[in-house]
Amino acid sequence: MDLKQLRLLCALDDTRHFRKAAEACFISQPALSMRLKSLEEELGIALVLRRQRFEGFTAEGEHLLQYARSVVANCDAMASEATALQGQMTGNVRIGVVPLSDFDLGSRLQLLSRQHPQLRFQLQSLSNEAILERLNDGRLDLGVVYQSHLDAARFEVLSLGQQPCHLLYQQEAMAGQIKNEPNAALRWPDVAALPLGLLGSKNVFRQFIDQQCVQAGVSVTPVVESDSIHQLLQMVDSGVCATVIPGTRLSGLSHSHLRVLPLEALAPELTLVKPKLTPSPRVPAVVFEALAENTAS
């Protein structure tokens, strides 16, 4: 058994595809299959369900995959720690971010990149559940999630605060449909009556919108549902629907004919999360502390 075999196993789990896993590891697909078969023979256990295409892992494979991830993560952390001990901050920091987050991560990472030009950042847009799962199994180093009640023994948590919710809409398409008093926040019954585009029902921010509407005595049936923020904003830009966003920063990515109006609610609290590990990897800790410092300032 060697580290390369374990990396191949993890890549197969990440991509769920033999060819893509091989490409990610810069080897041929036959070589990947041969290395994984050799690992199975050494362990005496079938790890992968094989037919003409990847169909998942066996129950034993799913179990042993967690050990593979732990070994790979520890080896990567050790290499990164060795360079950090020499005063060099290098490596890849993996950060999961919930969709529609109003946290200005970009400007903070820009400052870090200037201070530590050899650092690399891998950003993944994921659900709350997926981010916490990947923080647990070592596939992410940091997370930005809508969650404040986490196990203090397992996670270091920093509150990023709450932002007011806003309605984002295309002015011409929604003409005459939006009725609000000047300088007054929109009420949820008024929002629910509009053609809305929203994230999928499993998304925490979408669940928050549904809860707010229920409390206001109305239900919401979106005309568009999508797990893709890009597609959702395209639909708003085209005038198909309006949407609800936390804060107003996202409106800056859109065209001039889009408008925002405040709603009578604060979005769920955003938190920056880092697993508590022993030993604690230095690079993610430095990034966490830098983000915390920039947030406080």
Foldseek 3Di string as FASTA:
>chain_A
DDLLLLQLLVLCVVVVWQQRSCVVSVHGSVVNVVSPVVVCVVVVHFFFDDDPIGDHTDPVNVVCNLVSLVVNLVVQLVVQQVVVVVVARADEAEEEEEPLDPDPVPVLVVVVCVVHVRYHYHYHHDAQVVRVVCLVSVVHFKYKYLDDDDDPVWKDKDWLFWFFKKKKAQDVLCPPLQDDDPPDADELVSQQVWQEEEEDPVHPQNVVSQVSQVVVVHGHDHPHYHNDPVVRVVCRLVSVGMYMHGHCVVVVVHDPRMDIGTHPDITRIIMMMGTDDVVDRDNSVVSVVSSNVVSVD
